[in-house]
Every structure is written in C-alpha cells, then in structure tokens.
Amino acid sequence: MTLSENIKNLRKRAVMTLEQLADKLGVTRQTVSKWKITYLFRMQIYCLRRQMFLTLR
C-alpha cells in the first residue's frame, strides 16, 4: 500500500475530508496532497493515527 493510499484509508476511517485532515495538521490541503515521506510527516501521521485510534474506540 502506498503512502497516499494509507492517508486516504485513515482519513476515510476517521470520516474526514482532505481539507479537515490538513486543518488538523495545520497545513493546506495542497500540502497534504504533495507531501513526501519525511521525519516531520511521519511524526504528524503517528499523532494523527493515535488520535484517530482513540476516537474510533
């Protein structure tokens, strides 16, 4: 599974639009669309996944 597929799946599980995800991460929708794997991105995704997991429980 690619990074973009992972983001899309996590976003759908949390019932979020791309814009809502960007707002939670404090960036624009275009930024989320263009991101590549970096340390900062990984940390933001980790925090977001943790938040989504806690929300889904």
PDB file of N, CA and C in Angstrom:
ATOM      1  N   MET A   1       0.844  -1.179   0.000  1.00  0.00           N
ATOM      2  CA  MET A   1       0.000   0.000   0.000  1.00  0.00           C
ATOM      3  C   MET A   1       0.889   1.241   0.000  1.00  0.00           C
ATOM      4  N   THR A   2       0.548   2.203  -0.825  1.00  0.00           N
ATOM      5  CA  THR A   2       1.341   3.416  -0.922  1.00  0.00           C
ATOM      6  C   THR A   2       0.974   4.388   0.195  1.00  0.00           C
ATOM      7  N   LEU A   3       1.814   5.402   0.359  1.00  0.00           N
ATOM      8  CA  LEU A   3       1.566   6.416   1.372  1.00  0.00           C
ATOM      9  C   LEU A   3       0.232   7.104   1.125  1.00  0.00           C
ATOM     10  N   SER A   4      -0.032   7.467  -0.112  1.00  0.00           N
ATOM     11  CA  SER A   4      -1.294   8.159  -0.402  1.00  0.00           C
ATOM     12  C   SER A   4      -2.497   7.266  -0.107  1.00  0.00           C
ATOM     13  N   GLU A   5      -2.370   5.978  -0.362  1.00  0.00           N
ATOM     14  CA  GLU A   5      -3.454   5.047  -0.035  1.00  0.00           C
ATOM     15  C   GLU A   5      -3.651   4.948   1.470  1.00  0.00           C
ATOM     16  N   ASN A   6      -2.534   4.935   2.224  1.00  0.00           N
ATOM     17  CA  ASN A   6      -2.632   4.895   3.684  1.00  0.00           C
ATOM     18  C   ASN A   6      -3.336   6.130   4.230  1.00  0.00           C
ATOM     19  N   ILE A   7      -2.952   7.297   3.715  1.00  0.00           N
ATOM     20  CA  ILE A   7      -3.585   8.546   4.159  1.00  0.00           C
ATOM     21  C   ILE A   7      -5.079   8.511   3.845  1.00  0.00           C
ATOM     22  N   LYS A   8      -5.401   8.097   2.648  1.00  0.00           N
ATOM     23  CA  LYS A   8      -6.807   8.046   2.230  1.00  0.00           C
ATOM     24  C   LYS A   8      -7.604   7.088   3.111  1.00  0.00           C
ATOM     25  N   ASN A   9      -7.055   5.904   3.384  1.00  0.00           N
ATOM     26  CA  ASN A   9      -7.750   4.928   4.224  1.00  0.00           C
ATOM     27  C   ASN A   9      -7.937   5.431   5.647  1.00  0.00           C
ATOM     28  N   LEU A  10      -6.892   6.010   6.221  1.00  0.00           N
ATOM     29  CA  LEU A  10      -7.006   6.553   7.580  1.00  0.00           C
ATOM     30  C   LEU A  10      -8.022   7.691   7.622  1.00  0.00           C
ATOM     31  N   ARG A  11      -7.988   8.525   6.619  1.00  0.00           N
ATOM     32  CA  ARG A  11      -8.900   9.657   6.536  1.00  0.00           C
ATOM     33  C   ARG A  11     -10.345   9.175   6.442  1.00  0.00           C
ATOM     34  N   LYS A  12     -10.577   8.165   5.619  1.00  0.00           N
ATOM     35  CA  LYS A  12     -11.930   7.628   5.466  1.00  0.00           C
ATOM     36  C   LYS A  12     -12.409   6.942   6.741  1.00  0.00           C
ATOM     37  N   ARG A  13     -11.520   6.236   7.424  1.00  0.00           N
ATOM     38  CA  ARG A  13     -11.898   5.596   8.691  1.00  0.00           C
ATOM     39  C   ARG A  13     -12.312   6.626   9.727  1.00  0.00           C
ATOM     40  N   ALA A  14     -11.670   7.785   9.686  1.00  0.00           N
ATOM     41  CA  ALA A  14     -11.990   8.853  10.630  1.00  0.00           C
ATOM     42  C   ALA A  14     -13.098   9.770  10.092  1.00  0.00           C
ATOM     43  N   VAL A  15     -13.642   9.438   8.923  1.00  0.00           N
ATOM     44  CA  VAL A  15     -14.685  10.225   8.262  1.00  0.00           C
ATOM     45  C   VAL A  15     -14.259  11.696   8.167  1.00  0.00           C
ATOM     46  N   MET A  16     -13.126  11.909   7.499  1.00  0.00           N
ATOM     47  CA  MET A  16     -12.560  13.239   7.329  1.00  0.00           C
ATOM     48  C   MET A  16     -12.357  13.530   5.850  1.00  0.00           C
ATOM     49  N   THR A  17     -12.524  14.786   5.497  1.00  0.00           N
ATOM     50  CA  THR A  17     -12.161  15.217   4.149  1.00  0.00           C
ATOM     51  C   THR A  17     -10.667  15.525   4.156  1.00  0.00           C
ATOM     52  N   LEU A  18     -10.107  15.676   2.976  1.00  0.00           N
ATOM     53  CA  LEU A  18      -8.699  16.036   2.877  1.00  0.00           C
ATOM     54  C   LEU A  18      -8.459  17.391   3.543  1.00  0.00           C
ATOM     55  N   GLU A  19      -9.392  18.294   3.381  1.00  0.00           N
ATOM     56  CA  GLU A  19      -9.272  19.616   3.997  1.00  0.00           C
ATOM     57  C   GLU A  19      -9.318  19.530   5.523  1.00  0.00           C
ATOM     58  N   GLN A  20     -10.164  18.690   6.072  1.00  0.00           N
ATOM     59  CA  GLN A  20     -10.234  18.516   7.524  1.00  0.00           C
ATOM     60  C   GLN A  20      -8.928  17.933   8.056  1.00  0.00           C
ATOM     61  N   LEU A  21      -8.362  16.972   7.326  1.00  0.00           N
ATOM     62  CA  LEU A  21      -7.080  16.404   7.714  1.00  0.00           C
ATOM     63  C   LEU A  21      -6.005  17.484   7.722  1.00  0.00           C
ATOM     64  N   ALA A  22      -5.975  18.284   6.676  1.00  0.00           N
ATOM     65  CA  ALA A  22      -4.995  19.365   6.591  1.00  0.00           C
ATOM     66  C   ALA A  22      -5.161  20.337   7.750  1.00  0.00           C
ATOM     67  N   ASP A  23      -6.397  20.685   8.075  1.00  0.00           N
ATOM     68  CA  ASP A  23      -6.652  21.586   9.208  1.00  0.00           C
ATOM     69  C   ASP A  23      -6.120  21.000  10.505  1.00  0.00           C
ATOM     70  N   LYS A  24      -6.353  19.712  10.727  1.00  0.00           N
ATOM     71  CA  LYS A  24      -5.851  19.057  11.949  1.00  0.00           C
ATOM     72  C   LYS A  24      -4.330  19.090  12.019  1.00  0.00           C
ATOM     73  N   LEU A  25      -3.684  18.999  10.864  1.00  0.00           N
ATOM     74  CA  LEU A  25      -2.223  19.001  10.820  1.00  0.00           C
ATOM     75  C   LEU A  25      -1.648  20.407  10.719  1.00  0.00           C
ATOM     76  N   GLY A  26      -2.522  21.401  10.542  1.00  0.00           N
ATOM     77  CA  GLY A  26      -2.072  22.787  10.480  1.00  0.00           C
ATOM     78  C   GLY A  26      -1.411  23.165   9.164  1.00  0.00           C
ATOM     79  N   VAL A  27      -1.852  22.526   8.074  1.00  0.00           N
ATOM     80  CA  VAL A  27      -1.303  22.817   6.745  1.00  0.00           C
ATOM     81  C   VAL A  27      -2.460  22.965   5.760  1.00  0.00           C
ATOM     82  N   THR A  28      -2.128  23.291   4.508  1.00  0.00           N
ATOM     83  CA  THR A  28      -3.169  23.398   3.486  1.00  0.00           C
ATOM     84  C   THR A  28      -3.464  22.030   2.878  1.00  0.00           C
ATOM     85  N   ARG A  29      -4.594  21.967   2.210  1.00  0.00           N
ATOM     86  CA  ARG A  29      -4.988  20.732   1.524  1.00  0.00           C
ATOM     87  C   ARG A  29      -3.962  20.376   0.451  1.00  0.00           C
ATOM     88  N   GLN A  30      -3.447  21.401  -0.227  1.00  0.00           N
ATOM     89  CA  GLN A  30      -2.459  21.171  -1.275  1.00  0.00           C
ATOM     90  C   GLN A  30      -1.170  20.580  -0.698  1.00  0.00           C
ATOM     91  N   THR A  31      -0.811  21.013   0.503  1.00  0.00           N
ATOM     92  CA  THR A  31       0.401  20.488   1.147  1.00  0.00           C
ATOM     93  C   THR A  31       0.255  19.002   1.416  1.00  0.00           C
ATOM     94  N   VAL A  32      -0.899  18.602   1.933  1.00  0.00           N
ATOM     95  CA  VAL A  32      -1.123  17.176   2.205  1.00  0.00           C
ATOM     96  C   VAL A  32      -1.015  16.385   0.910  1.00  0.00           C
ATOM     97  N   SER A  33      -1.562  16.931  -0.165  1.00  0.00           N
ATOM     98  CA  SER A  33      -1.523  16.244  -1.457  1.00  0.00           C
ATOM     99  C   SER A  33      -0.097  16.061  -1.963  1.00  0.00           C
ATOM    100  N   LYS A  34       0.794  16.981  -1.621  1.00  0.00           N
ATOM    101  CA  LYS A  34       2.153  16.966  -2.175  1.00  0.00           C
ATOM    102  C   LYS A  34       3.208  16.350  -1.249  1.00  0.00           C
ATOM    103  N   TRP A  35       2.835  16.040  -0.029  1.00  0.00           N
ATOM    104  CA  TRP A  35       3.839  15.565   0.925  1.00  0.00           C
ATOM    105  C   TRP A  35       4.575  14.317   0.466  1.00  0.00           C
ATOM    106  N   LYS A  36       5.827  14.287   0.826  1.00  0.00           N
ATOM    107  CA  LYS A  36       6.636  13.082   0.661  1.00  0.00           C
ATOM    108  C   LYS A  36       6.981  12.614   2.061  1.00  0.00           C
ATOM    109  N   ILE A  37       7.502  11.394   2.176  1.00  0.00           N
ATOM    110  CA  ILE A  37       7.828  10.859   3.494  1.00  0.00           C
ATOM    111  C   ILE A  37       9.030  11.611   4.064  1.00  0.00           C
ATOM    112  N   THR A  38       8.808  12.242   5.200  1.00  0.00           N
ATOM    113  CA  THR A  38       9.877  12.919   5.940  1.00  0.00           C
ATOM    114  C   THR A  38       9.676  12.618   7.406  1.00  0.00           C
ATOM    115  N   TYR A  39      10.649  12.954   8.210  1.00  0.00           N
ATOM    116  CA  TYR A  39      10.540  12.702   9.638  1.00  0.00           C
ATOM    117  C   TYR A  39       9.353  13.452  10.227  1.00  0.00           C
ATOM    118  N   LEU A  40       9.212  14.720   9.893  1.00  0.00           N
ATOM    119  CA  LEU A  40       8.110  15.510  10.428  1.00  0.00           C
ATOM    120  C   LEU A  40       6.774  14.915  10.019  1.00  0.00           C
ATOM    121  N   PHE A  41       6.655  14.528   8.756  1.00  0.00           N
ATOM    122  CA  PHE A  41       5.416  13.929   8.269  1.00  0.00           C
ATOM    123  C   PHE A  41       5.103  12.653   9.032  1.00  0.00           C
ATOM    124  N   ARG A  42       6.099  11.818   9.222  1.00  0.00           N
ATOM    125  CA  ARG A  42       5.879  10.572   9.966  1.00  0.00           C
ATOM    126  C   ARG A  42       5.382  10.848  11.376  1.00  0.00           C
ATOM    127  N   MET A  43       5.946  11.854  12.028  1.00  0.00           N
ATOM    128  CA  MET A  43       5.516  12.182  13.384  1.00  0.00           C
ATOM    129  C   MET A  43       4.086  12.715  13.389  1.00  0.00           C
ATOM    130  N   GLN A  44       3.735  13.534  12.403  1.00  0.00           N
ATOM    131  CA  GLN A  44       2.371  14.053  12.328  1.00  0.00           C
ATOM    132  C   GLN A  44       1.377  12.923  12.074  1.00  0.00           C
ATOM    133  N   ILE A  45       1.735  12.008  11.190  1.00  0.00           N
ATOM    134  CA  ILE A  45       0.856  10.870  10.906  1.00  0.00           C
ATOM    135  C   ILE A  45       0.719   9.990  12.145  1.00  0.00           C
ATOM    136  N   TYR A  46       1.822   9.762  12.859  1.00  0.00           N
ATOM    137  CA  TYR A  46       1.761   8.970  14.081  1.00  0.00           C
ATOM    138  C   TYR A  46       0.776   9.597  15.066  1.00  0.00           C
ATOM    139  N   CYS A  47       0.891  10.891  15.269  1.00  0.00           N
ATOM    140  CA  CYS A  47      -0.006  11.585  16.202  1.00  0.00           C
ATOM    141  C   CYS A  47      -1.449  11.522  15.723  1.00  0.00           C
ATOM    142  N   LEU A  48      -1.637  11.705  14.436  1.00  0.00           N
ATOM    143  CA  LEU A  48      -2.978  11.661  13.877  1.00  0.00           C
ATOM    144  C   LEU A  48      -3.566  10.256  13.987  1.00  0.00           C
ATOM    145  N   ARG A  49      -2.776   9.250  13.669  1.00  0.00           N
ATOM    146  CA  ARG A  49      -3.253   7.862  13.781  1.00  0.00           C
ATOM    147  C   ARG A  49      -3.650   7.554  15.209  1.00  0.00           C
ATOM    148  N   ARG A  50      -2.827   8.023  16.137  1.00  0.00           N
ATOM    149  CA  ARG A  50      -3.130   7.785  17.549  1.00  0.00           C
ATOM    150  C   ARG A  50      -4.438   8.474  17.926  1.00  0.00           C
ATOM    151  N   GLN A  51      -4.612   9.700  17.472  1.00  0.00           N
ATOM    152  CA  GLN A  51      -5.837  10.421  17.753  1.00  0.00           C
ATOM    153  C   GLN A  51      -7.043   9.729  17.122  1.00  0.00           C
ATOM    154  N   MET A  52      -6.899   9.276  15.865  1.00  0.00           N
ATOM    155  CA  MET A  52      -7.992   8.577  15.188  1.00  0.00           C
ATOM    156  C   MET A  52      -8.308   7.279  15.909  1.00  0.00           C
ATOM    157  N   PHE A  53      -7.286   6.546  16.315  1.00  0.00           N
ATOM    158  CA  PHE A  53      -7.496   5.277  17.007  1.00  0.00           C
ATOM    159  C   PHE A  53      -8.278   5.513  18.282  1.00  0.00           C
ATOM    160  N   LEU A  54      -7.910   6.543  19.042  1.00  0.00           N
ATOM    161  CA  LEU A  54      -8.619   6.833  20.279  1.00  0.00           C
ATOM    162  C   LEU A  54     -10.052   7.270  19.997  1.00  0.00           C
ATOM    163  N   THR A  55     -10.263   7.977  18.887  1.00  0.00           N
ATOM    164  CA  THR A  55     -11.601   8.426  18.508  1.00  0.00           C
ATOM    165  C   THR A  55     -12.466   7.244  18.090  1.00  0.00           C
ATOM    166  N   LEU A  56     -11.866   6.273  17.404  1.00  0.00           N
ATOM    167  CA  LEU A  56     -12.615   5.121  16.903  1.00  0.00           C
ATOM    168  C   LEU A  56     -12.990   4.141  18.008  1.00  0.00           C
ATOM    169  N   ARG A  57     -12.319   4.173  19.115  1.00  0.00           N
ATOM    170  CA  ARG A  57     -12.611   3.224  20.201  1.00  0.00           C
ATOM    171  C   ARG A  57     -13.816   3.585  20.971  1.00  0.00           C
TER     172      ARG A  57
END
